[in-house]
């Protein structure tokens, strides 16, 4: 099995305008889907919904405060899953109720194998090289 990060993308303006009750209802629907991933053995570890507010920065300045008007869609959460391969992970993401009804997009990204990073050795990372 391979690990994947599901990056949850939604219309942040719509999320900000939604009332607390609607946002809570949407989170409950998402929670039911995550529970189904747990039962199937695909859910790996934590993930969370994110606040709509935030900042977009570079090394010198805050480029924008959220919601990010530069784009309609933004990251609203993330989860980690295991799947056989990218195609399997994509098919799992497509089972999400919010994806099926068009309210959400899930970006599916393979997680870099930690053994690959460990090949660098601890000394190089701790010294910033």
N, C-alpha and C. Protein backbone atom coordinates (compact mmCIF):
# COMPACT_ATOMS: atom_id res chain seq x y z
N UNK A 1 0.84 -1.19 0.00
CA UNK A 1 0.00 0.00 0.00
C UNK A 1 0.89 1.25 0.00
N UNK A 2 0.39 2.27 -0.65
CA UNK A 2 1.11 3.53 -0.75
C UNK A 2 0.30 4.62 -0.05
N UNK A 3 0.98 5.60 0.55
CA UNK A 3 0.29 6.69 1.25
C UNK A 3 0.02 7.84 0.30
N UNK A 4 -1.14 8.47 0.51
CA UNK A 4 -1.56 9.62 -0.29
C UNK A 4 -2.13 10.68 0.63
N UNK A 5 -1.93 11.92 0.24
CA UNK A 5 -2.57 13.04 0.92
C UNK A 5 -3.72 13.51 0.03
N UNK A 6 -4.90 13.60 0.61
CA UNK A 6 -6.04 14.16 -0.09
C UNK A 6 -6.15 15.61 0.36
N UNK A 7 -5.94 16.53 -0.57
CA UNK A 7 -6.04 17.95 -0.28
C UNK A 7 -7.43 18.39 -0.71
N UNK A 8 -8.21 18.83 0.25
CA UNK A 8 -9.61 19.18 0.03
C UNK A 8 -9.68 20.63 -0.44
N UNK A 9 -10.28 20.82 -1.60
CA UNK A 9 -10.40 22.17 -2.18
C UNK A 9 -11.88 22.52 -2.34
N UNK A 10 -12.21 23.72 -1.87
CA UNK A 10 -13.59 24.19 -1.97
C UNK A 10 -13.60 25.68 -2.28
N UNK A 11 -14.77 26.18 -2.61
CA UNK A 11 -14.98 27.61 -2.83
C UNK A 11 -14.95 28.29 -1.45
N UNK A 12 -13.87 29.01 -1.15
CA UNK A 12 -13.71 29.61 0.17
C UNK A 12 -14.70 30.73 0.43
N UNK A 13 -15.08 31.46 -0.60
CA UNK A 13 -16.07 32.52 -0.43
C UNK A 13 -17.41 31.91 -0.02
N UNK A 14 -17.77 30.83 -0.68
CA UNK A 14 -19.02 30.13 -0.35
C UNK A 14 -18.96 29.59 1.08
N UNK A 15 -17.81 29.05 1.47
CA UNK A 15 -17.66 28.54 2.84
C UNK A 15 -17.81 29.66 3.86
N UNK A 16 -17.20 30.79 3.58
CA UNK A 16 -17.27 31.91 4.52
C UNK A 16 -18.70 32.42 4.66
N UNK A 17 -19.47 32.38 3.58
CA UNK A 17 -20.85 32.86 3.60
C UNK A 17 -21.80 31.84 4.23
N UNK A 18 -21.42 30.58 4.23
CA UNK A 18 -22.27 29.55 4.82
C UNK A 18 -22.37 29.77 6.32
N UNK A 19 -23.53 29.53 6.84
CA UNK A 19 -23.71 29.66 8.27
C UNK A 19 -23.01 28.54 9.02
N UNK A 20 -22.86 28.72 10.31
CA UNK A 20 -22.20 27.72 11.13
C UNK A 20 -22.94 26.38 11.07
N UNK A 21 -24.26 26.41 11.03
CA UNK A 21 -25.05 25.18 10.98
C UNK A 21 -24.77 24.41 9.68
N UNK A 22 -24.69 25.12 8.56
CA UNK A 22 -24.42 24.47 7.27
C UNK A 22 -23.01 23.88 7.25
N UNK A 23 -22.04 24.63 7.77
CA UNK A 23 -20.67 24.14 7.79
C UNK A 23 -20.57 22.88 8.67
N UNK A 24 -21.26 22.88 9.81
CA UNK A 24 -21.27 21.72 10.70
C UNK A 24 -21.90 20.52 9.99
N UNK A 25 -22.99 20.74 9.28
CA UNK A 25 -23.65 19.65 8.54
C UNK A 25 -22.71 19.07 7.48
N UNK A 26 -22.01 19.94 6.77
CA UNK A 26 -21.06 19.49 5.75
C UNK A 26 -19.92 18.68 6.37
N UNK A 27 -19.46 19.10 7.55
CA UNK A 27 -18.40 18.37 8.24
C UNK A 27 -18.90 17.00 8.68
N UNK A 28 -20.15 16.90 9.12
CA UNK A 28 -20.70 15.60 9.51
C UNK A 28 -20.77 14.65 8.31
N UNK A 29 -21.14 15.18 7.15
CA UNK A 29 -21.18 14.35 5.93
C UNK A 29 -19.77 13.87 5.61
N UNK A 30 -18.80 14.76 5.72
CA UNK A 30 -17.41 14.38 5.45
C UNK A 30 -16.94 13.34 6.47
N UNK A 31 -17.34 13.50 7.72
CA UNK A 31 -16.96 12.56 8.77
C UNK A 31 -17.49 11.16 8.48
N UNK A 32 -18.70 11.06 7.96
CA UNK A 32 -19.26 9.76 7.60
C UNK A 32 -18.42 9.10 6.50
N UNK A 33 -17.97 9.90 5.54
CA UNK A 33 -17.12 9.36 4.47
C UNK A 33 -15.79 8.88 5.04
N UNK A 34 -15.19 9.67 5.93
CA UNK A 34 -13.92 9.27 6.54
C UNK A 34 -14.10 7.98 7.34
N UNK A 35 -15.20 7.86 8.06
CA UNK A 35 -15.47 6.62 8.80
C UNK A 35 -15.55 5.42 7.85
N UNK A 36 -16.09 5.63 6.65
CA UNK A 36 -16.14 4.54 5.68
C UNK A 36 -14.74 4.16 5.22
N UNK A 37 -13.84 5.14 5.13
CA UNK A 37 -12.44 4.86 4.77
C UNK A 37 -11.74 4.08 5.88
N UNK A 38 -12.07 4.39 7.12
CA UNK A 38 -11.51 3.66 8.26
C UNK A 38 -11.94 2.20 8.18
N UNK A 39 -13.23 1.97 7.95
CA UNK A 39 -13.76 0.60 7.87
C UNK A 39 -13.12 -0.20 6.75
N UNK A 40 -12.80 0.45 5.64
CA UNK A 40 -12.18 -0.22 4.50
C UNK A 40 -10.67 -0.37 4.65
N UNK A 41 -10.11 0.26 5.69
CA UNK A 41 -8.67 0.16 5.92
C UNK A 41 -7.84 1.14 5.11
N UNK A 42 -8.46 2.18 4.54
CA UNK A 42 -7.72 3.14 3.74
C UNK A 42 -7.24 4.36 4.54
N UNK A 43 -7.91 4.67 5.63
CA UNK A 43 -7.56 5.86 6.40
C UNK A 43 -6.27 5.61 7.16
N UNK A 44 -5.30 6.50 7.03
CA UNK A 44 -4.00 6.30 7.65
C UNK A 44 -3.89 7.02 8.98
N UNK A 45 -4.03 8.31 8.95
CA UNK A 45 -3.86 9.11 10.15
C UNK A 45 -4.58 10.43 9.97
N UNK A 46 -4.47 11.25 10.95
CA UNK A 46 -5.21 12.49 11.03
C UNK A 46 -5.28 13.35 9.80
N UNK A 47 -6.21 14.18 9.84
CA UNK A 47 -6.47 15.21 8.87
C UNK A 47 -7.46 16.12 9.56
N UNK A 48 -7.72 17.24 8.98
CA UNK A 48 -8.63 18.17 9.62
C UNK A 48 -9.19 19.15 8.61
N UNK A 49 -10.31 19.72 8.98
CA UNK A 49 -10.84 20.86 8.26
C UNK A 49 -9.99 22.07 8.67
N UNK A 50 -9.87 23.02 7.78
CA UNK A 50 -9.10 24.23 8.07
C UNK A 50 -10.03 25.42 8.16
N UNK A 51 -9.64 26.41 8.95
CA UNK A 51 -10.38 27.66 9.02
C UNK A 51 -10.32 28.34 7.66
N UNK A 52 -11.30 29.15 7.34
CA UNK A 52 -11.32 29.86 6.07
C UNK A 52 -10.26 30.96 6.07
N UNK A 53 -10.02 31.59 7.20
CA UNK A 53 -9.05 32.67 7.31
C UNK A 53 -7.64 32.14 7.28
N UNK A 54 -6.70 32.97 6.87
CA UNK A 54 -5.30 32.62 6.84
C UNK A 54 -4.54 33.68 6.09
N UNK A 55 -3.28 33.44 5.84
CA UNK A 55 -2.46 34.39 5.09
C UNK A 55 -1.63 33.64 4.07
N UNK A 56 -1.35 34.31 2.97
CA UNK A 56 -0.55 33.79 1.88
C UNK A 56 0.72 34.65 1.88
N UNK A 57 1.87 34.05 2.14
CA UNK A 57 3.08 34.84 2.37
C UNK A 57 4.24 34.40 1.48
N UNK A 58 5.18 35.33 1.31
CA UNK A 58 6.48 34.99 0.76
C UNK A 58 7.51 35.43 1.79
N UNK A 59 8.78 35.44 1.44
CA UNK A 59 9.81 35.72 2.44
C UNK A 59 9.77 37.14 2.97
N UNK A 60 9.16 38.07 2.24
CA UNK A 60 9.20 39.47 2.61
C UNK A 60 7.89 40.06 3.11
N UNK A 61 6.77 39.47 2.73
CA UNK A 61 5.51 40.13 3.03
C UNK A 61 4.34 39.16 3.02
N UNK A 62 3.22 39.67 3.57
CA UNK A 62 1.96 38.95 3.45
C UNK A 62 1.37 39.37 2.11
N UNK A 63 1.21 38.41 1.21
CA UNK A 63 0.70 38.71 -0.12
C UNK A 63 -0.81 38.88 -0.12
N UNK A 64 -1.49 38.14 0.76
CA UNK A 64 -2.94 38.21 0.82
C UNK A 64 -3.42 37.60 2.13
N UNK A 65 -4.47 38.17 2.67
CA UNK A 65 -5.15 37.54 3.79
C UNK A 65 -6.36 36.81 3.24
N UNK A 66 -6.71 35.68 3.88
CA UNK A 66 -7.81 34.88 3.38
C UNK A 66 -9.15 35.46 3.73
N UNK A 67 -10.26 35.06 3.07
CA UNK A 67 -10.18 34.12 1.97
C UNK A 67 -9.43 34.74 0.81
N UNK A 68 -8.80 33.91 0.04
CA UNK A 68 -7.85 34.36 -0.95
C UNK A 68 -8.57 34.76 -2.22
N UNK A 69 -8.69 36.06 -2.43
CA UNK A 69 -9.48 36.57 -3.55
C UNK A 69 -8.85 36.27 -4.90
N UNK A 70 -7.56 35.89 -4.90
CA UNK A 70 -6.90 35.59 -6.16
C UNK A 70 -7.47 34.33 -6.82
N UNK A 71 -8.07 33.48 -6.04
CA UNK A 71 -8.65 32.27 -6.60
C UNK A 71 -9.97 31.99 -5.92
N UNK A 72 -10.87 31.41 -6.67
CA UNK A 72 -12.19 31.08 -6.14
C UNK A 72 -12.08 29.91 -5.17
N UNK A 73 -11.20 28.98 -5.48
CA UNK A 73 -11.10 27.76 -4.69
C UNK A 73 -9.85 27.79 -3.82
N UNK A 74 -9.94 27.19 -2.66
CA UNK A 74 -8.80 27.12 -1.77
C UNK A 74 -8.83 25.83 -0.98
N UNK A 75 -7.79 25.60 -0.23
CA UNK A 75 -7.68 24.38 0.56
C UNK A 75 -8.50 24.54 1.83
N UNK A 76 -9.42 23.60 2.05
CA UNK A 76 -10.28 23.66 3.23
C UNK A 76 -10.02 22.52 4.20
N UNK A 77 -9.12 21.59 3.83
CA UNK A 77 -8.80 20.49 4.73
C UNK A 77 -7.90 19.48 4.04
N UNK A 78 -7.58 18.42 4.79
CA UNK A 78 -6.70 17.38 4.26
C UNK A 78 -6.89 16.10 5.06
N UNK A 79 -6.62 14.97 4.43
CA UNK A 79 -6.57 13.68 5.13
C UNK A 79 -5.50 12.82 4.46
N UNK A 80 -5.07 11.81 5.17
CA UNK A 80 -4.09 10.87 4.64
C UNK A 80 -4.76 9.50 4.51
N UNK A 81 -4.51 8.84 3.37
CA UNK A 81 -5.07 7.52 3.12
C UNK A 81 -4.00 6.60 2.55
N UNK A 82 -4.31 5.33 2.53
CA UNK A 82 -3.48 4.34 1.85
C UNK A 82 -4.30 3.75 0.71
N UNK A 83 -3.61 3.53 -0.39
CA UNK A 83 -4.24 2.92 -1.57
C UNK A 83 -3.20 2.10 -2.30
N UNK A 84 -3.66 1.25 -3.19
CA UNK A 84 -2.75 0.40 -3.95
C UNK A 84 -1.82 1.22 -4.84
N UNK A 85 -2.38 2.25 -5.49
CA UNK A 85 -1.63 3.09 -6.40
C UNK A 85 -2.43 4.37 -6.62
N UNK A 86 -1.92 5.25 -7.48
CA UNK A 86 -2.59 6.52 -7.72
C UNK A 86 -4.01 6.33 -8.27
N UNK A 87 -4.19 5.40 -9.18
CA UNK A 87 -5.53 5.16 -9.74
C UNK A 87 -6.51 4.73 -8.65
N UNK A 88 -6.06 3.88 -7.73
CA UNK A 88 -6.91 3.44 -6.63
C UNK A 88 -7.23 4.62 -5.71
N UNK A 89 -6.24 5.45 -5.43
CA UNK A 89 -6.45 6.62 -4.57
C UNK A 89 -7.46 7.58 -5.20
N UNK A 90 -7.34 7.78 -6.50
CA UNK A 90 -8.29 8.65 -7.21
C UNK A 90 -9.71 8.09 -7.10
N UNK A 91 -9.85 6.79 -7.28
CA UNK A 91 -11.19 6.19 -7.19
C UNK A 91 -11.75 6.31 -5.78
N UNK A 92 -10.90 6.23 -4.77
CA UNK A 92 -11.35 6.42 -3.39
C UNK A 92 -11.81 7.86 -3.18
N UNK A 93 -11.04 8.82 -3.66
CA UNK A 93 -11.41 10.23 -3.52
C UNK A 93 -12.75 10.52 -4.19
N UNK A 94 -13.01 9.86 -5.30
CA UNK A 94 -14.25 10.10 -6.03
C UNK A 94 -15.48 9.55 -5.31
N UNK A 95 -15.29 8.76 -4.25
CA UNK A 95 -16.43 8.27 -3.49
C UNK A 95 -16.96 9.29 -2.48
N UNK A 96 -16.24 10.38 -2.28
CA UNK A 96 -16.67 11.40 -1.32
C UNK A 96 -17.98 12.04 -1.79
N UNK A 97 -18.94 12.12 -0.89
CA UNK A 97 -20.25 12.69 -1.19
C UNK A 97 -20.13 14.11 -1.74
N UNK A 98 -19.28 14.94 -1.12
CA UNK A 98 -19.13 16.32 -1.56
C UNK A 98 -18.51 16.41 -2.96
N UNK A 99 -17.65 15.47 -3.29
CA UNK A 99 -17.07 15.42 -4.64
C UNK A 99 -18.16 15.01 -5.64
N UNK A 100 -18.94 14.01 -5.26
CA UNK A 100 -19.99 13.52 -6.15
C UNK A 100 -21.04 14.58 -6.46
N UNK A 101 -21.34 15.44 -5.48
CA UNK A 101 -22.36 16.47 -5.75
C UNK A 101 -21.77 17.78 -6.25
N UNK A 102 -20.45 17.81 -6.50
CA UNK A 102 -19.82 18.97 -7.12
C UNK A 102 -19.45 20.11 -6.20
N UNK A 103 -19.54 19.90 -4.88
CA UNK A 103 -19.22 20.96 -3.93
C UNK A 103 -17.74 21.00 -3.54
N UNK A 104 -16.97 20.00 -3.97
CA UNK A 104 -15.60 19.88 -3.52
C UNK A 104 -14.76 19.21 -4.59
N UNK A 105 -13.49 19.54 -4.58
CA UNK A 105 -12.50 18.87 -5.42
C UNK A 105 -11.45 18.31 -4.47
N UNK A 106 -10.99 17.10 -4.71
CA UNK A 106 -9.92 16.53 -3.90
C UNK A 106 -8.69 16.36 -4.79
N UNK A 107 -7.60 17.01 -4.39
CA UNK A 107 -6.32 16.83 -5.06
C UNK A 107 -5.65 15.62 -4.41
N UNK A 108 -5.29 14.64 -5.20
CA UNK A 108 -4.71 13.40 -4.70
C UNK A 108 -3.21 13.45 -4.97
N UNK A 109 -2.41 13.39 -3.89
CA UNK A 109 -0.95 13.49 -4.04
C UNK A 109 -0.27 12.34 -3.32
N UNK A 110 0.60 11.60 -4.01
CA UNK A 110 1.38 10.56 -3.34
C UNK A 110 2.31 11.19 -2.31
N UNK A 111 2.45 10.54 -1.15
CA UNK A 111 3.37 11.00 -0.11
C UNK A 111 4.73 10.41 -0.41
N UNK A 112 5.75 11.26 -0.37
CA UNK A 112 7.11 10.80 -0.62
C UNK A 112 7.48 9.75 0.42
N UNK A 113 8.01 8.66 -0.03
CA UNK A 113 8.41 7.58 0.86
C UNK A 113 9.48 8.08 1.82
N UNK A 114 9.23 7.96 3.12
CA UNK A 114 10.18 8.46 4.12
C UNK A 114 11.56 7.84 3.99
N UNK A 115 11.63 6.63 3.49
CA UNK A 115 12.94 6.01 3.30
C UNK A 115 13.77 6.83 2.32
N UNK A 116 13.12 7.43 1.34
CA UNK A 116 13.84 8.28 0.39
C UNK A 116 14.44 9.49 1.08
N UNK A 117 13.69 10.12 1.98
CA UNK A 117 14.18 11.28 2.72
C UNK A 117 15.27 10.86 3.69
N UNK A 118 15.10 9.71 4.33
CA UNK A 118 16.10 9.23 5.29
C UNK A 118 17.45 8.97 4.63
N UNK A 119 17.46 8.73 3.33
CA UNK A 119 18.73 8.52 2.63
C UNK A 119 19.63 9.75 2.72
N UNK A 120 19.05 10.92 2.97
CA UNK A 120 19.85 12.14 3.11
C UNK A 120 20.69 12.12 4.39
N UNK A 121 20.21 11.42 5.40
CA UNK A 121 20.88 11.37 6.68
C UNK A 121 20.47 12.54 7.56
N UNK A 122 20.42 12.32 8.85
CA UNK A 122 19.97 13.34 9.79
C UNK A 122 20.90 14.54 9.83
N UNK A 123 22.19 14.32 9.69
CA UNK A 123 23.14 15.42 9.81
C UNK A 123 22.87 16.50 8.77
N UNK A 124 22.63 16.12 7.53
CA UNK A 124 22.38 17.10 6.48
C UNK A 124 21.13 17.94 6.77
N UNK A 125 20.06 17.30 7.23
CA UNK A 125 18.82 18.04 7.49
C UNK A 125 18.99 18.98 8.66
N UNK A 126 19.62 18.53 9.73
CA UNK A 126 19.73 19.38 10.92
C UNK A 126 20.67 20.54 10.70
N UNK A 127 21.56 20.45 9.75
CA UNK A 127 22.48 21.54 9.45
C UNK A 127 21.95 22.45 8.34
N UNK A 128 20.79 22.13 7.82
CA UNK A 128 20.17 22.97 6.81
C UNK A 128 20.79 22.85 5.43
N UNK A 129 21.45 21.77 5.10
CA UNK A 129 22.07 21.61 3.78
C UNK A 129 21.14 20.86 2.87
